[in-house]
Amino acid sequence: MLRQYKEAIEKSNIISKTDINGVITFVNDEFCTISGYRKDELIGKKHSIVKHPDVGEEKFKLLWETITNKEIYKDTVKNLAKDGSTFYVNSTIIPILDKNDNIVEFIAIRYDVTKEMLLREELLKKESEYEELNRNLEKRVAEQTKELKELNQTLEKRVRDEIAKNEEKQRVMFWQSRHASLGQMIANIAHQWRQPLTELTLALFNIKKAAQNEKADDISKFYDESKNIIKNMSQTIDDFTNFFSPDKEKYYFNVSDSILESIVLLESVINDEMITLKTNFEDMKVLGITNELTQVMINLINNSKDAFIQNSILLREISITTKQESGFAVIEVQDNAGGITKENIEKIFEPYFTTKHKSRGTGLGLFMSKMICEQGLNGTLDVKSKKKTTTFSIKIPLDKNEK
């Protein structure tokens, strides 16, 4: 079974090992595929073989300072393939220690984010082009306005009307471009869910360490954890990626089971951030796809977690309750993370609106969650905020024959 897990990790991630001097001692097939090198061309070489000339030495200095201090290093790295092409990988480098707490080797686990980074660069390029277009447009409008004023002051109103029309066209073009790329960006977001596979790798290392120390209880614990991560993350990623697929089949599922699945997926995050989670469930079945509701719950819990951190809340509580109300299954998610301002609460479900740092949020989470509740579950998603608490309410119609 451990061999199967190892194969699963190697086939879904880009993996390499180096000795304490940074000399490559192992690469998997995925590493060879993305770099274009054969294994015999990589083994015995330093990782600088794939170093991109755009990457400064200070980044590698920070990397070595981190891992030689026996700490885990994480970053998105720009690399150079054998054929001269560029590829990007999200990298996690882990020092491996012996029984005496000495570093014996380093293992690097990566996954390919080249498409995401190229898309981001393309979006930045388009934004720059739009800014230049706007600057040129403003300049032309100003020039034409001046000429028109000189010719006939009575044409001022007409000029203002034409400017307003041009600005409206710009807004329409902007939103058409945003919506056209929405499906592709959703797929990119789904791809980011593969990060928990790194947690699986760490669990497998813990299994190995427990086996070496003959700790049977720890082996069983990490084994169960690994199975749970593989099962739930694989299914969640598939369902999330297929959210816009027209041939999804709906079925009746228990609301509490879907919520519990989201809690299991985020268990380590909840524990690490010292969040107290209170639940009170009533068994109810609704028509839809269980993993879509799970995705909504994951997003709401993650938003609460980010708000706790952003607002420096010490005593962190999330309450999740379900109940029947007027023919609906009602799910309420409440936190004490500081509340939402009146100005922001009016925009919170708009696409690309976010109060988070750009590195932590895209502004699509709540927008997509509302779409799932309305289109996938035929329900609603609303929010209220008062006295530094926020409550999200999901209402899904109940079938009188399925409760």
Protein backbone atom coordinates (compact mmCIF):
# COMPACT_ATOMS: atom_id res chain seq x y z
CA MET A 1 0.00 0.00 0.00
CA LEU A 2 2.86 2.40 0.82
CA ARG A 3 4.30 1.69 -2.63
CA GLN A 4 0.98 2.64 -4.20
CA TYR A 5 0.89 5.90 -2.26
CA LYS A 6 4.45 6.63 -3.34
CA GLU A 7 3.49 6.03 -6.97
CA ALA A 8 0.43 8.29 -6.57
CA ILE A 9 2.60 11.11 -5.22
CA GLU A 10 5.29 10.70 -7.89
CA LYS A 11 2.74 10.66 -10.72
CA SER A 12 0.86 13.76 -9.49
CA ASN A 13 3.86 15.87 -8.40
CA ILE A 14 7.30 16.87 -9.66
CA ILE A 15 9.81 15.44 -7.18
CA SER A 16 13.57 15.61 -6.71
CA LYS A 17 16.07 14.88 -3.95
CA THR A 18 19.45 16.46 -3.31
CA ASP A 19 22.25 15.81 -0.88
CA ILE A 20 23.27 18.41 1.69
CA ASN A 21 25.38 20.18 -0.97
CA GLY A 22 22.47 20.60 -3.36
CA VAL A 23 23.58 17.86 -5.75
CA ILE A 24 20.66 16.00 -7.33
CA THR A 25 20.38 12.37 -6.20
CA PHE A 26 16.89 11.53 -7.46
CA VAL A 27 14.28 12.87 -9.90
CA ASN A 28 10.95 11.33 -10.91
CA ASP A 29 9.57 11.08 -14.43
CA GLU A 30 7.46 14.23 -14.02
CA PHE A 31 10.64 16.24 -13.32
CA CYS A 32 12.22 14.91 -16.51
CA THR A 33 9.09 15.65 -18.53
CA ILE A 34 8.80 19.29 -17.51
CA SER A 35 12.55 20.06 -17.63
CA GLY A 36 13.29 18.16 -20.85
CA TYR A 37 16.35 16.47 -19.31
CA ARG A 38 16.97 12.74 -18.98
CA LYS A 39 17.59 11.33 -15.53
CA ASP A 40 21.24 10.62 -16.32
CA GLU A 41 21.65 14.28 -17.30
CA LEU A 42 20.27 15.44 -13.94
CA ILE A 43 21.65 12.97 -11.37
CA GLY A 44 24.91 14.29 -9.97
CA LYS A 45 24.26 17.85 -11.15
CA LYS A 46 23.30 20.82 -9.00
CA HIS A 47 19.80 22.29 -9.25
CA SER A 48 21.28 25.30 -10.99
CA ILE A 49 21.00 23.23 -14.18
CA VAL A 50 17.39 24.43 -14.42
CA LYS A 51 18.01 27.91 -12.93
CA HIS A 52 16.44 30.69 -14.99
CA PRO A 53 18.73 33.69 -15.62
CA ASP A 54 15.92 36.05 -14.54
CA VAL A 55 16.02 34.66 -10.99
CA GLY A 56 18.38 36.64 -8.74
CA GLU A 57 20.96 35.12 -6.42
CA GLU A 58 19.26 36.61 -3.37
CA LYS A 59 16.33 34.21 -3.80
CA PHE A 60 18.65 31.19 -3.72
CA LYS A 61 20.47 32.64 -0.74
CA LEU A 62 17.16 32.86 1.13
CA LEU A 63 16.28 29.30 0.07
CA TRP A 64 19.52 27.84 1.45
CA GLU A 65 19.32 29.87 4.65
CA THR A 66 15.82 28.51 5.22
CA ILE A 67 16.41 24.81 4.56
CA THR A 68 19.81 24.67 6.26
CA ASN A 69 18.05 26.04 9.33
CA LYS A 70 15.88 22.89 9.12
CA GLU A 71 12.83 24.86 8.02
CA ILE A 72 10.46 24.17 5.10
CA TYR A 73 10.80 26.54 2.14
CA LYS A 74 7.83 27.36 -0.12
CA ASP A 75 7.78 29.57 -3.22
CA THR A 76 6.77 29.80 -6.88
CA VAL A 77 9.96 29.35 -8.91
CA LYS A 78 10.74 30.31 -12.50
CA ASN A 79 12.90 27.64 -14.20
CA LEU A 80 14.56 27.04 -17.56
CA ALA A 81 14.03 23.79 -19.48
CA LYS A 82 16.65 22.09 -21.61
CA ASP A 83 15.12 23.45 -24.83
CA GLY A 84 15.26 27.02 -23.52
CA SER A 85 11.59 27.31 -22.65
CA THR A 86 10.37 28.69 -19.31
CA PHE A 87 8.28 26.78 -16.78
CA TYR A 88 6.94 27.72 -13.36
CA VAL A 89 6.48 25.42 -10.39
CA ASN A 90 5.07 25.86 -6.89
CA SER A 91 7.85 24.34 -4.80
CA THR A 92 8.00 22.95 -1.26
CA ILE A 93 11.50 21.97 -0.11
CA ILE A 94 11.72 19.84 3.03
CA PRO A 95 14.90 19.03 5.00
CA ILE A 96 15.05 15.34 5.98
CA LEU A 97 16.65 14.73 9.38
CA ASP A 98 18.21 11.64 10.91
CA LYS A 99 17.69 10.41 14.47
CA ASN A 100 20.34 12.87 15.68
CA ASP A 101 18.45 15.80 14.12
CA ASN A 102 21.10 16.25 11.43
CA ILE A 103 20.14 17.04 7.84
CA VAL A 104 20.80 14.07 5.55
CA GLU A 105 19.10 15.25 2.38
CA PHE A 106 16.48 17.61 0.93
CA ILE A 107 13.33 16.61 -0.90
CA ALA A 108 11.55 19.05 -3.20
CA ILE A 109 7.87 18.59 -4.11
CA ARG A 110 6.49 20.74 -6.92
CA TYR A 111 3.51 21.09 -9.16
CA ASP A 112 3.29 22.81 -12.51
CA VAL A 113 1.71 26.30 -12.52
CA THR A 114 3.12 27.42 -15.87
CA LYS A 115 -0.32 27.94 -17.43
CA GLU A 116 -1.49 29.98 -14.45
CA MET A 117 1.59 32.20 -14.48
CA LEU A 118 1.44 32.71 -18.26
CA LEU A 119 -2.25 33.55 -17.96
CA ARG A 120 -1.45 36.03 -15.19
CA GLU A 121 1.24 37.64 -17.36
CA GLU A 122 -1.20 37.81 -20.27
CA LEU A 123 -3.84 39.45 -18.05
CA LEU A 124 -1.29 42.01 -16.83
CA LYS A 125 -0.32 42.69 -20.44
CA LYS A 126 -3.97 43.18 -21.40
CA GLU A 127 -4.52 45.50 -18.46
CA SER A 128 -1.51 47.53 -19.54
CA GLU A 129 -2.90 47.68 -23.07
CA TYR A 130 -6.29 48.81 -21.75
CA GLU A 131 -4.62 51.51 -19.65
CA GLU A 132 -2.70 52.74 -22.68
CA LEU A 133 -5.89 52.64 -24.74
CA ASN A 134 -7.68 54.69 -22.10
CA ARG A 135 -4.85 57.21 -21.97
CA ASN A 136 -4.90 57.60 -25.73
CA LEU A 137 -8.68 57.83 -25.72
CA GLU A 138 -8.64 60.55 -23.05
CA LYS A 139 -6.02 62.43 -25.02
CA ARG A 140 -8.04 62.22 -28.24
CA VAL A 141 -11.23 63.25 -26.48
CA ALA A 142 -9.48 66.24 -24.93
CA GLU A 143 -8.08 67.30 -28.31
CA GLN A 144 -11.42 66.93 -30.05
CA THR A 145 -13.22 68.74 -27.25
CA LYS A 146 -10.84 71.67 -27.56
CA GLU A 147 -11.36 71.83 -31.31
CA LEU A 148 -15.13 71.64 -30.96
CA LYS A 149 -15.16 74.39 -28.35
CA GLU A 150 -13.15 76.59 -30.68
CA LEU A 151 -15.52 75.92 -33.56
CA ASN A 152 -18.82 76.11 -31.77
CA GLN A 153 -19.60 76.32 -28.07
CA THR A 154 -23.02 74.82 -28.72
CA LEU A 155 -21.39 71.43 -29.43
CA GLU A 156 -20.22 70.94 -25.79
CA LYS A 157 -23.24 68.84 -24.85
CA ARG A 158 -22.74 66.59 -27.87
CA VAL A 159 -19.10 66.06 -26.96
CA ARG A 160 -20.04 65.09 -23.37
CA ASP A 161 -22.60 62.62 -24.72
CA GLU A 162 -20.03 61.00 -27.03
CA ILE A 163 -17.51 60.70 -24.19
CA ALA A 164 -20.11 59.00 -21.99
CA LYS A 165 -20.91 56.53 -24.79
CA ASN A 166 -17.23 55.68 -25.22
CA GLU A 167 -16.80 55.11 -21.47
CA GLU A 168 -19.83 52.81 -21.44
CA LYS A 169 -18.38 50.83 -24.36
CA GLN A 170 -15.14 50.47 -22.42
CA ARG A 171 -17.01 49.05 -19.41
CA VAL A 172 -18.93 46.59 -21.61
CA MET A 173 -15.72 45.41 -23.27
CA PHE A 174 -14.08 45.02 -19.87
CA TRP A 175 -16.85 42.79 -18.46
CA GLN A 176 -17.13 40.76 -21.64
CA SER A 177 -13.42 40.02 -21.37
CA ARG A 178 -13.75 39.11 -17.68
CA HIS A 179 -16.66 36.73 -18.24
CA ALA A 180 -15.01 35.10 -21.25
CA SER A 181 -12.04 34.09 -19.09
CA LEU A 182 -14.16 33.07 -16.08
CA GLY A 183 -14.36 29.39 -17.01
CA GLN A 184 -10.61 29.14 -17.50
CA MET A 185 -9.91 30.92 -14.22
CA ILE A 186 -12.24 28.56 -12.37
CA ALA A 187 -10.18 25.64 -13.71
CA ASN A 188 -7.03 27.36 -12.45
CA ILE A 189 -8.56 27.80 -9.01
CA ALA A 190 -9.50 24.11 -8.97
CA HIS A 191 -5.90 23.27 -9.84
CA GLN A 192 -4.74 25.06 -6.71
CA TRP A 193 -6.66 22.51 -4.66
CA ARG A 194 -3.91 20.03 -5.38
CA GLN A 195 -1.81 21.74 -2.73
CA PRO A 196 -3.23 19.45 0.00
CA LEU A 197 -1.39 16.62 -1.75
CA THR A 198 1.70 18.12 -0.16
CA GLU A 199 0.09 17.31 3.19
CA LEU A 200 -0.30 13.74 1.97
CA THR A 201 3.42 13.60 1.19
CA LEU A 202 4.24 14.77 4.70
CA ALA A 203 1.88 12.14 6.11
CA LEU A 204 3.70 9.47 4.13
CA PHE A 205 7.04 10.67 5.49
CA ASN A 206 5.54 10.44 8.97
CA ILE A 207 4.46 6.86 8.21
CA LYS A 208 8.02 6.05 7.18
CA LYS A 209 9.44 7.65 10.32
CA ALA A 210 6.89 5.88 12.53
CA ALA A 211 7.75 2.57 10.86
CA GLN A 212 11.44 3.12 11.50
CA ASN A 213 10.65 3.85 15.15
CA GLU A 214 8.20 0.90 15.32
CA LYS A 215 5.30 3.10 16.45
CA ALA A 216 2.30 1.10 15.27
CA ASP A 217 -0.30 3.58 16.55
CA ASP A 218 1.28 6.45 14.63
CA ILE A 219 1.48 4.34 11.48
CA SER A 220 -2.24 3.58 11.69
CA LYS A 221 -3.07 7.23 12.38
CA PHE A 222 -1.09 8.63 9.45
CA TYR A 223 -2.27 5.80 7.18
CA ASP A 224 -5.93 6.69 7.83
CA GLU A 225 -5.15 10.36 7.37
CA SER A 226 -3.48 9.64 4.01
CA LYS A 227 -6.42 7.59 2.76
CA ASN A 228 -8.87 10.29 3.76
CA ILE A 229 -6.88 13.04 2.02
CA ILE A 230 -6.59 11.03 -1.20
CA LYS A 231 -10.27 10.11 -1.32
CA ASN A 232 -11.75 13.47 -0.45
CA MET A 233 -9.36 15.78 -2.32
CA SER A 234 -9.49 13.73 -5.51
CA GLN A 235 -13.30 13.71 -5.55
CA THR A 236 -13.54 17.37 -4.56
CA ILE A 237 -11.14 18.48 -7.30
CA ASP A 238 -13.03 16.47 -9.95
CA ASP A 239 -16.41 17.85 -8.91
CA PHE A 240 -15.11 21.42 -8.62
CA THR A 241 -13.46 21.26 -12.04
CA ASN A 242 -16.68 19.92 -13.55
CA PHE A 243 -18.84 22.63 -11.99
CA PHE A 244 -19.79 24.12 -15.36
CA SER A 245 -20.28 20.73 -17.05
CA PRO A 246 -23.83 20.49 -18.49
CA ASP A 247 -24.21 16.75 -17.96
CA LYS A 248 -23.92 16.64 -14.14
CA GLU A 249 -26.57 14.44 -12.53
CA LYS A 250 -28.25 15.65 -9.33
CA TYR A 251 -29.27 13.33 -6.52
CA TYR A 252 -30.59 13.54 -2.95
CA PHE A 253 -27.91 13.83 -0.30
CA ASN A 254 -27.76 14.55 3.42
CA VAL A 255 -26.86 18.19 4.14
CA SER A 256 -24.95 17.33 7.32
CA ASP A 257 -22.78 14.77 5.47
CA SER A 258 -21.72 17.43 2.98
CA ILE A 259 -20.88 19.91 5.76
CA LEU A 260 -18.92 17.29 7.71
CA GLU A 261 -16.89 16.52 4.58
CA SER A 262 -15.84 20.18 4.35
CA ILE A 263 -14.85 20.16 8.04
CA VAL A 264 -12.73 17.03 7.53
CA LEU A 265 -10.97 18.63 4.55
CA LEU A 266 -10.15 21.73 6.60
CA GLU A 267 -9.45 19.96 9.89
CA SER A 268 -5.73 20.78 9.89
CA VAL A 269 -6.40 24.44 9.04
CA ILE A 270 -9.02 24.75 11.79
CA ASN A 271 -6.66 23.20 14.35
CA ASP A 272 -3.58 25.17 13.24
CA GLU A 273 -5.44 28.48 13.48
CA MET A 274 -6.93 27.51 16.88
CA ILE A 275 -10.52 27.94 15.72
CA THR A 276 -13.33 26.61 17.90
CA LEU A 277 -15.95 25.00 15.65
CA LYS A 278 -19.46 24.46 17.04
CA THR A 279 -22.04 22.40 15.11
CA ASN A 280 -25.72 21.60 15.55
CA PHE A 281 -27.14 19.51 12.72
CA GLU A 282 -30.63 18.32 11.81
CA ASP A 283 -30.81 15.47 9.27
CA MET A 284 -32.24 16.76 5.97
CA LYS A 285 -31.88 15.68 2.36
CA VAL A 286 -31.81 18.06 -0.61
CA LEU A 287 -31.48 17.66 -4.36
CA GLY A 288 -28.16 18.61 -5.89
CA ILE A 289 -24.52 17.54 -5.86
CA THR A 290 -23.00 17.05 -2.42
CA ASN A 291 -19.51 18.26 -3.38
CA GLU A 292 -20.87 21.56 -4.67
CA LEU A 293 -22.34 22.29 -1.24
CA THR A 294 -19.07 21.07 0.31
CA GLN A 295 -17.21 23.57 -1.89
CA VAL A 296 -19.46 26.40 -0.66
CA MET A 297 -18.86 25.42 2.98
CA ILE A 298 -15.09 25.22 2.42
CA ASN A 299 -15.13 28.72 0.97
CA LEU A 300 -17.17 30.15 3.86
CA ILE A 301 -14.95 28.53 6.52
CA ASN A 302 -11.79 29.68 4.73
CA ASN A 303 -13.16 33.23 4.52
CA SER A 304 -13.79 33.19 8.27
CA LYS A 305 -10.26 31.90 8.87
CA ASP A 306 -8.76 34.67 6.73
CA ALA A 307 -10.88 37.30 8.52
CA PHE A 308 -9.68 36.03 11.92
CA ILE A 309 -6.08 36.47 10.80
CA GLN A 310 -6.62 39.81 9.06
CA ASN A 311 -8.47 41.30 12.05
CA SER A 312 -6.14 39.74 14.67
CA ILE A 313 -8.97 37.97 16.50
CA LEU A 314 -7.67 35.91 19.44
CA LEU A 315 -10.78 33.94 20.49
CA ARG A 316 -11.94 32.46 17.20
CA GLU A 317 -15.35 30.78 16.93
CA ILE A 318 -17.33 29.46 13.98
CA SER A 319 -20.85 28.12 14.48
CA ILE A 320 -22.57 25.95 11.84
CA THR A 321 -26.23 25.02 12.31
CA THR A 322 -28.85 23.38 10.11
CA LYS A 323 -32.62 23.45 10.52
CA GLN A 324 -35.89 23.09 8.63
CA GLU A 325 -37.78 26.29 8.04
CA SER A 326 -40.91 26.81 5.89
CA GLY A 327 -40.09 23.99 3.48
CA PHE A 328 -36.40 24.86 3.23
CA ALA A 329 -33.18 23.39 4.57
CA VAL A 330 -31.42 26.36 6.22
CA ILE A 331 -27.68 26.34 6.85
CA GLU A 332 -26.20 29.17 8.93
CA VAL A 333 -22.46 29.81 9.21
CA GLN A 334 -21.61 32.44 11.84
CA ASP A 335 -18.23 33.76 12.96
CA ASN A 336 -16.95 36.44 15.34
CA ALA A 337 -14.23 37.66 12.97
CA GLY A 338 -15.10 41.35 13.25
CA GLY A 339 -18.04 41.69 10.87
CA ILE A 340 -18.31 43.29 7.42
CA THR A 341 -18.73 46.99 6.76
CA LYS A 342 -21.95 48.23 5.17
CA GLU A 343 -19.99 49.44 2.15
CA ASN A 344 -18.39 46.02 1.55
CA ILE A 345 -21.45 43.90 2.32
CA GLU A 346 -23.26 45.42 -0.66
CA LYS A 347 -20.47 44.28 -2.98
CA ILE A 348 -19.46 41.01 -1.35
CA PHE A 349 -21.03 38.71 -3.95
CA GLU A 350 -19.72 40.67 -6.94
CA PRO A 351 -17.08 38.92 -9.09
CA TYR A 352 -13.48 39.98 -8.41
CA PHE A 353 -14.42 41.97 -5.31
CA THR A 354 -12.19 41.10 -2.36
CA THR A 355 -10.96 42.74 0.82
CA LYS A 356 -8.01 40.35 1.01
CA HIS A 357 -4.47 40.89 -0.21
CA LYS A 358 -4.02 39.97 -3.88
CA SER A 359 -1.86 37.00 -2.91
CA ARG A 360 -4.69 35.53 -0.78
CA GLY A 361 -7.87 36.14 -2.75
CA THR A 362 -9.24 36.48 -6.28
CA GLY A 363 -12.72 37.77 -5.43
CA LEU A 364 -14.35 34.76 -7.09
CA GLY A 365 -15.06 32.56 -4.05
CA LEU A 366 -18.34 34.08 -2.85
CA PHE A 367 -19.44 34.88 -6.40
CA MET A 368 -19.06 31.23 -7.35
CA SER A 369 -20.64 30.05 -4.07
CA LYS A 370 -23.74 32.13 -4.80
CA MET A 371 -23.90 30.63 -8.31
CA ILE A 372 -23.72 27.11 -6.84
CA CYS A 373 -26.52 27.84 -4.36
CA GLU A 374 -28.76 29.45 -6.96
CA GLN A 375 -28.05 27.33 -10.06
CA GLY A 376 -26.81 24.04 -8.64
CA LEU A 377 -29.04 23.79 -5.54
CA ASN A 378 -31.97 26.00 -6.66
CA GLY A 379 -31.57 27.96 -3.43
CA THR A 380 -30.15 31.22 -2.10
CA LEU A 381 -27.06 32.54 -0.30
CA ASP A 382 -27.38 35.69 1.82
CA VAL A 383 -25.27 37.47 4.42
CA LYS A 384 -25.91 39.62 7.51
CA SER A 385 -23.37 41.34 9.73
CA LYS A 386 -23.79 43.05 13.11
CA LYS A 387 -21.95 43.45 16.41
CA LYS A 388 -18.69 42.19 14.88
CA THR A 389 -20.31 38.89 13.79
CA THR A 390 -21.13 37.72 10.28
CA THR A 391 -23.79 35.15 9.38
CA PHE A 392 -24.09 33.51 5.96
CA SER A 393 -27.45 31.80 5.36
CA ILE A 394 -28.01 29.12 2.73
CA LYS A 395 -31.61 28.12 1.94
CA ILE A 396 -32.27 25.03 -0.19
CA PRO A 397 -35.79 23.81 -0.98
CA LEU A 398 -36.80 20.51 0.67
CA ASP A 399 -38.67 17.73 -1.10
CA LYS A 400 -41.52 16.52 1.12
CA ASN A 401 -40.67 12.92 0.15
CA GLU A 402 -36.96 13.31 0.98
CA LYS A 403 -36.23 14.46 4.53
